[in-house]
Amino acid sequence: MFTEEFRKSLDEYISLNYVESAERAADYVLDAEVTKDAGKTFSKKESFTLDQLMEEVGESFHDMLFLKIDMSGMTDVEVYKRANIDRKLFSKIRSNPAYHPRKQTVLALAIALKLSIDDTIDLLARAEYALSPGNKGDLIVKYFIERGVYDIMSINFALDEYGQQILE
């Protein structure tokens, strides 16, 4: 399904970004030096009271997901079909604000909504997940998003080719 050039590009991306040991992980610099939440930026060096931090809590995963859906102009049906998730699961997410979907489901929804990498990272964080440099599946998904490729079947094919869990 993929050209040799595409496979080479993906292999190179994984090899440059994959962190497989604690030693390399220490060298990996996340944008976590600064935390963005509710439009505010906080440096790690600043000190805040618990009350101040609680006032800065942003939208929940549920709220942000449905805000993104509304902003996309897509219907719920279009989103869950593009995400390749079933109607019952989507209904559970829609009707239960406390429902905690799997990471693969959140990624599938981000792909369906054609979110940028920053918006994908934000949506994952609101669901208490992150893209890990030590997870080849995460790097594959990130590779596609950074290149503006939002075809879930292509992404799942690449994930399967590299022995990673597919998005569902």
C-alpha atoms as a PDB file:
ATOM      1  CA  MET A   1       0.000   0.000   0.000  1.00  0.00           C
ATOM      2  CA  PHE A   2       2.874   2.384   0.798  1.00  0.00           C
ATOM      3  CA  THR A   3       5.611   3.347  -1.599  1.00  0.00           C
ATOM      4  CA  GLU A   4       9.203   2.588  -0.750  1.00  0.00           C
ATOM      5  CA  GLU A   5       9.834   6.334  -0.453  1.00  0.00           C
ATOM      6  CA  PHE A   6       6.982   6.701   2.067  1.00  0.00           C
ATOM      7  CA  ARG A   7       8.198   3.733   4.121  1.00  0.00           C
ATOM      8  CA  LYS A   8      11.738   5.164   4.138  1.00  0.00           C
ATOM      9  CA  SER A   9      10.417   8.552   5.285  1.00  0.00           C
ATOM     10  CA  LEU A  10       8.399   6.970   8.109  1.00  0.00           C
ATOM     11  CA  ASP A  11      11.338   4.740   9.164  1.00  0.00           C
ATOM     12  CA  GLU A  12      13.608   7.794   9.288  1.00  0.00           C
ATOM     13  CA  TYR A  13      11.039   9.759  11.332  1.00  0.00           C
ATOM     14  CA  ILE A  14      10.718   6.918  13.854  1.00  0.00           C
ATOM     15  CA  SER A  15      14.464   6.470  14.126  1.00  0.00           C
ATOM     16  CA  LEU A  16      14.991  10.198  14.740  1.00  0.00           C
ATOM     17  CA  ASN A  17      12.188  10.533  17.303  1.00  0.00           C
ATOM     18  CA  TYR A  18      11.951   7.170  19.082  1.00  0.00           C
ATOM     19  CA  VAL A  19      13.234   7.192  22.661  1.00  0.00           C
ATOM     20  CA  GLU A  20      13.808   3.658  23.854  1.00  0.00           C
ATOM     21  CA  SER A  21      15.838   4.101  27.006  1.00  0.00           C
ATOM     22  CA  ALA A  22      15.762   6.158  30.165  1.00  0.00           C
ATOM     23  CA  GLU A  23      19.107   7.711  29.206  1.00  0.00           C
ATOM     24  CA  ARG A  24      17.751   9.028  25.906  1.00  0.00           C
ATOM     25  CA  ALA A  25      14.483  10.024  27.582  1.00  0.00           C
ATOM     26  CA  ALA A  26      16.436  12.366  29.848  1.00  0.00           C
ATOM     27  CA  ASP A  27      17.705  14.098  26.713  1.00  0.00           C
ATOM     28  CA  TYR A  28      14.221  14.335  25.236  1.00  0.00           C
ATOM     29  CA  VAL A  29      12.921  17.857  25.749  1.00  0.00           C
ATOM     30  CA  LEU A  30       9.167  18.221  25.903  1.00  0.00           C
ATOM     31  CA  ASP A  31       7.335  21.459  25.615  1.00  0.00           C
ATOM     32  CA  ALA A  32       6.351  20.605  29.181  1.00  0.00           C
ATOM     33  CA  GLU A  33       8.685  23.293  30.435  1.00  0.00           C
ATOM     34  CA  VAL A  34       5.649  25.469  29.991  1.00  0.00           C
ATOM     35  CA  THR A  35       2.136  24.246  30.690  1.00  0.00           C
ATOM     36  CA  LYS A  36      -0.688  25.745  28.656  1.00  0.00           C
ATOM     37  CA  ASP A  37      -4.151  25.556  30.127  1.00  0.00           C
ATOM     38  CA  ALA A  38      -7.221  27.747  29.708  1.00  0.00           C
ATOM     39  CA  GLY A  39      -5.225  30.178  27.588  1.00  0.00           C
ATOM     40  CA  LYS A  40      -2.738  30.856  30.382  1.00  0.00           C
ATOM     41  CA  THR A  41       0.960  30.023  30.352  1.00  0.00           C
ATOM     42  CA  PHE A  42       2.731  29.050  33.540  1.00  0.00           C
ATOM     43  CA  SER A  43       6.432  28.576  33.975  1.00  0.00           C
ATOM     44  CA  LYS A  44       7.552  25.723  36.213  1.00  0.00           C
ATOM     45  CA  LYS A  45       9.408  28.257  38.322  1.00  0.00           C
ATOM     46  CA  GLU A  46       6.329  30.271  39.249  1.00  0.00           C
ATOM     47  CA  SER A  47       4.532  29.394  42.440  1.00  0.00           C
ATOM     48  CA  PHE A  48       0.752  29.245  42.690  1.00  0.00           C
ATOM     49  CA  THR A  49      -1.674  28.367  45.422  1.00  0.00           C
ATOM     50  CA  LEU A  50      -3.988  25.419  44.946  1.00  0.00           C
ATOM     51  CA  ASP A  51      -6.943  27.802  44.741  1.00  0.00           C
ATOM     52  CA  GLN A  52      -5.256  29.762  41.938  1.00  0.00           C
ATOM     53  CA  LEU A  53      -4.554  26.586  40.003  1.00  0.00           C
ATOM     54  CA  MET A  54      -8.123  25.334  40.479  1.00  0.00           C
ATOM     55  CA  GLU A  55      -9.442  28.583  39.002  1.00  0.00           C
ATOM     56  CA  GLU A  56      -7.408  27.898  35.853  1.00  0.00           C
ATOM     57  CA  VAL A  57      -8.906  24.467  35.118  1.00  0.00           C
ATOM     58  CA  GLY A  58      -9.953  24.421  31.485  1.00  0.00           C
ATOM     59  CA  GLU A  59     -12.573  22.439  29.632  1.00  0.00           C
ATOM     60  CA  SER A  60     -12.852  18.714  30.262  1.00  0.00           C
ATOM     61  CA  PHE A  61     -12.141  16.170  27.543  1.00  0.00           C
ATOM     62  CA  HIS A  62     -15.881  15.826  26.932  1.00  0.00           C
ATOM     63  CA  ASP A  63     -16.428  19.588  26.648  1.00  0.00           C
ATOM     64  CA  MET A  64     -13.400  20.120  24.410  1.00  0.00           C
ATOM     65  CA  LEU A  65     -14.295  17.202  22.129  1.00  0.00           C
ATOM     66  CA  PHE A  66     -17.799  18.473  21.479  1.00  0.00           C
ATOM     67  CA  LEU A  67     -16.556  22.044  21.095  1.00  0.00           C
ATOM     68  CA  LYS A  68     -14.136  20.790  18.409  1.00  0.00           C
ATOM     69  CA  ILE A  69     -16.941  18.840  16.731  1.00  0.00           C
ATOM     70  CA  ASP A  70     -19.153  21.946  16.690  1.00  0.00           C
ATOM     71  CA  MET A  71     -16.294  24.036  15.305  1.00  0.00           C
ATOM     72  CA  SER A  72     -15.583  21.462  12.579  1.00  0.00           C
ATOM     73  CA  GLY A  73     -19.061  21.761  11.115  1.00  0.00           C
ATOM     74  CA  MET A  74     -19.321  17.969  10.984  1.00  0.00           C
ATOM     75  CA  THR A  75     -22.206  15.998  12.398  1.00  0.00           C
ATOM     76  CA  ASP A  76     -21.694  13.434  15.139  1.00  0.00           C
ATOM     77  CA  VAL A  77     -22.324  10.690  12.563  1.00  0.00           C
ATOM     78  CA  GLU A  78     -19.641  12.060  10.243  1.00  0.00           C
ATOM     79  CA  VAL A  79     -17.158  12.207  13.125  1.00  0.00           C
ATOM     80  CA  TYR A  80     -17.684   8.711  14.468  1.00  0.00           C
ATOM     81  CA  LYS A  81     -17.648   7.225  10.955  1.00  0.00           C
ATOM     82  CA  ARG A  82     -14.429   9.099  10.094  1.00  0.00           C
ATOM     83  CA  ALA A  83     -12.977   7.919  13.414  1.00  0.00           C
ATOM     84  CA  ASN A  84     -13.985   4.343  12.613  1.00  0.00           C
ATOM     85  CA  ILE A  85     -15.662   3.955  16.002  1.00  0.00           C
ATOM     86  CA  ASP A  86     -19.078   2.489  16.547  1.00  0.00           C
ATOM     87  CA  ARG A  87     -22.226   4.454  17.234  1.00  0.00           C
ATOM     88  CA  LYS A  88     -22.723   2.901  20.682  1.00  0.00           C
ATOM     89  CA  LEU A  89     -19.270   3.958  21.849  1.00  0.00           C
ATOM     90  CA  PHE A  90     -19.756   7.463  20.496  1.00  0.00           C
ATOM     91  CA  SER A  91     -23.146   7.637  22.216  1.00  0.00           C
ATOM     92  CA  LYS A  92     -21.503   6.611  25.491  1.00  0.00           C
ATOM     93  CA  ILE A  93     -18.942   9.413  25.087  1.00  0.00           C
ATOM     94  CA  ARG A  94     -21.678  11.925  24.157  1.00  0.00           C
ATOM     95  CA  SER A  95     -24.077  11.031  26.982  1.00  0.00           C
ATOM     96  CA  ASN A  96     -21.614  10.529  29.840  1.00  0.00           C
ATOM     97  CA  PRO A  97     -19.297  13.502  30.504  1.00  0.00           C
ATOM     98  CA  ALA A  98     -17.330  11.377  32.991  1.00  0.00           C
ATOM     99  CA  TYR A  99     -16.699   8.560  30.482  1.00  0.00           C
ATOM    100  CA  HIS A 100     -12.986   7.945  29.992  1.00  0.00           C
ATOM    101  CA  PRO A 101     -12.282   6.587  26.486  1.00  0.00           C
ATOM    102  CA  ARG A 102      -9.162   4.638  25.577  1.00  0.00           C
ATOM    103  CA  LYS A 103      -6.191   6.529  24.179  1.00  0.00           C
ATOM    104  CA  GLN A 104      -6.685   4.905  20.750  1.00  0.00           C
ATOM    105  CA  THR A 105     -10.256   6.233  20.673  1.00  0.00           C
ATOM    106  CA  VAL A 106      -9.125   9.776  21.517  1.00  0.00           C
ATOM    107  CA  LEU A 107      -6.510   9.606  18.764  1.00  0.00           C
ATOM    108  CA  ALA A 108      -9.096   8.300  16.286  1.00  0.00           C
ATOM    109  CA  LEU A 109     -11.379  11.223  17.143  1.00  0.00           C
ATOM    110  CA  ALA A 110      -8.496  13.689  16.713  1.00  0.00           C
ATOM    111  CA  ILE A 111      -7.791  12.183  13.284  1.00  0.00           C
ATOM    112  CA  ALA A 112     -11.480  12.348  12.346  1.00  0.00           C
ATOM    113  CA  LEU A 113     -11.575  16.028  13.318  1.00  0.00           C
ATOM    114  CA  LYS A 114      -8.320  16.727  11.455  1.00  0.00           C
ATOM    115  CA  LEU A 115      -6.815  18.343  14.529  1.00  0.00           C
ATOM    116  CA  SER A 116      -3.344  19.888  14.388  1.00  0.00           C
ATOM    117  CA  ILE A 117      -0.636  18.222  16.434  1.00  0.00           C
ATOM    118  CA  ASP A 118      -1.013  20.894  19.148  1.00  0.00           C
ATOM    119  CA  ASP A 119      -4.787  20.397  19.325  1.00  0.00           C
ATOM    120  CA  THR A 120      -4.306  16.614  19.358  1.00  0.00           C
ATOM    121  CA  ILE A 121      -1.858  16.883  22.257  1.00  0.00           C
ATOM    122  CA  ASP A 122      -4.325  19.159  24.079  1.00  0.00           C
ATOM    123  CA  LEU A 123      -7.247  16.768  23.548  1.00  0.00           C
ATOM    124  CA  LEU A 124      -5.135  13.820  24.720  1.00  0.00           C
ATOM    125  CA  ALA A 125      -4.047  15.732  27.821  1.00  0.00           C
ATOM    126  CA  ARG A 126      -7.664  16.517  28.697  1.00  0.00           C
ATOM    127  CA  ALA A 127      -8.316  12.761  28.562  1.00  0.00           C
ATOM    128  CA  GLU A 128      -5.212  12.229  30.749  1.00  0.00           C
ATOM    129  CA  TYR A 129      -3.028  10.827  27.949  1.00  0.00           C
ATOM    130  CA  ALA A 130       0.078  11.965  26.088  1.00  0.00           C
ATOM    131  CA  LEU A 131       2.023  11.170  22.948  1.00  0.00           C
ATOM    132  CA  SER A 132       5.120   9.330  24.069  1.00  0.00           C
ATOM    133  CA  PRO A 133       8.488   9.434  22.318  1.00  0.00           C
ATOM    134  CA  GLY A 134       8.937   5.869  23.596  1.00  0.00           C
ATOM    135  CA  ASN A 135       5.882   4.538  21.747  1.00  0.00           C
ATOM    136  CA  LYS A 136       6.302   3.798  18.047  1.00  0.00           C
ATOM    137  CA  GLY A 137       2.525   3.843  17.548  1.00  0.00           C
ATOM    138  CA  ASP A 138       2.367   7.390  18.915  1.00  0.00           C
ATOM    139  CA  LEU A 139       5.196   8.449  16.613  1.00  0.00           C
ATOM    140  CA  ILE A 140       3.425   6.954  13.598  1.00  0.00           C
ATOM    141  CA  VAL A 141       0.221   8.846  14.403  1.00  0.00           C
ATOM    142  CA  LYS A 142       2.214  12.039  15.002  1.00  0.00           C
ATOM    143  CA  TYR A 143       4.012  11.557  11.668  1.00  0.00           C
ATOM    144  CA  PHE A 144       0.715  11.436   9.791  1.00  0.00           C
ATOM    145  CA  ILE A 145      -0.803  14.413  11.644  1.00  0.00           C
ATOM    146  CA  GLU A 146       2.288  16.564  11.068  1.00  0.00           C
ATOM    147  CA  ARG A 147       1.975  15.834   7.346  1.00  0.00           C
ATOM    148  CA  GLY A 148      -1.756  16.571   7.237  1.00  0.00           C
ATOM    149  CA  VAL A 149      -2.721  12.989   6.409  1.00  0.00           C
ATOM    150  CA  TYR A 150      -6.004  12.249   8.210  1.00  0.00           C
ATOM    151  CA  ASP A 151      -7.012   8.983   6.541  1.00  0.00           C
ATOM    152  CA  ILE A 152      -7.605   6.564   9.407  1.00  0.00           C
ATOM    153  CA  MET A 153      -7.306   3.513   7.159  1.00  0.00           C
ATOM    154  CA  SER A 154      -3.827   4.593   5.987  1.00  0.00           C
ATOM    155  CA  ILE A 155      -2.773   5.309   9.559  1.00  0.00           C
ATOM    156  CA  ASN A 156      -4.105   1.955  10.749  1.00  0.00           C
ATOM    157  CA  PHE A 157      -2.317   0.195   7.897  1.00  0.00           C
ATOM    158  CA  ALA A 158       0.983   1.812   8.909  1.00  0.00           C
ATOM    159  CA  LEU A 159       0.376   0.992  12.583  1.00  0.00           C
ATOM    160  CA  ASP A 160      -0.321  -2.640  11.688  1.00  0.00           C
ATOM    161  CA  GLU A 161       2.746  -2.809   9.414  1.00  0.00           C
ATOM    162  CA  TYR A 162       4.916  -1.762  12.374  1.00  0.00           C
ATOM    163  CA  GLY A 163       3.186  -4.146  14.784  1.00  0.00           C
ATOM    164  CA  GLN A 164       1.395  -1.388  16.694  1.00  0.00           C
ATOM    165  CA  GLN A 165      -2.172  -1.220  18.004  1.00  0.00           C
ATOM    166  CA  ILE A 166      -4.567   0.282  15.463  1.00  0.00           C
ATOM    167  CA  LEU A 167      -6.878   3.212  16.163  1.00  0.00           C
ATOM    168  CA  GLU A 168     -10.490   2.368  16.896  1.00  0.00           C
END
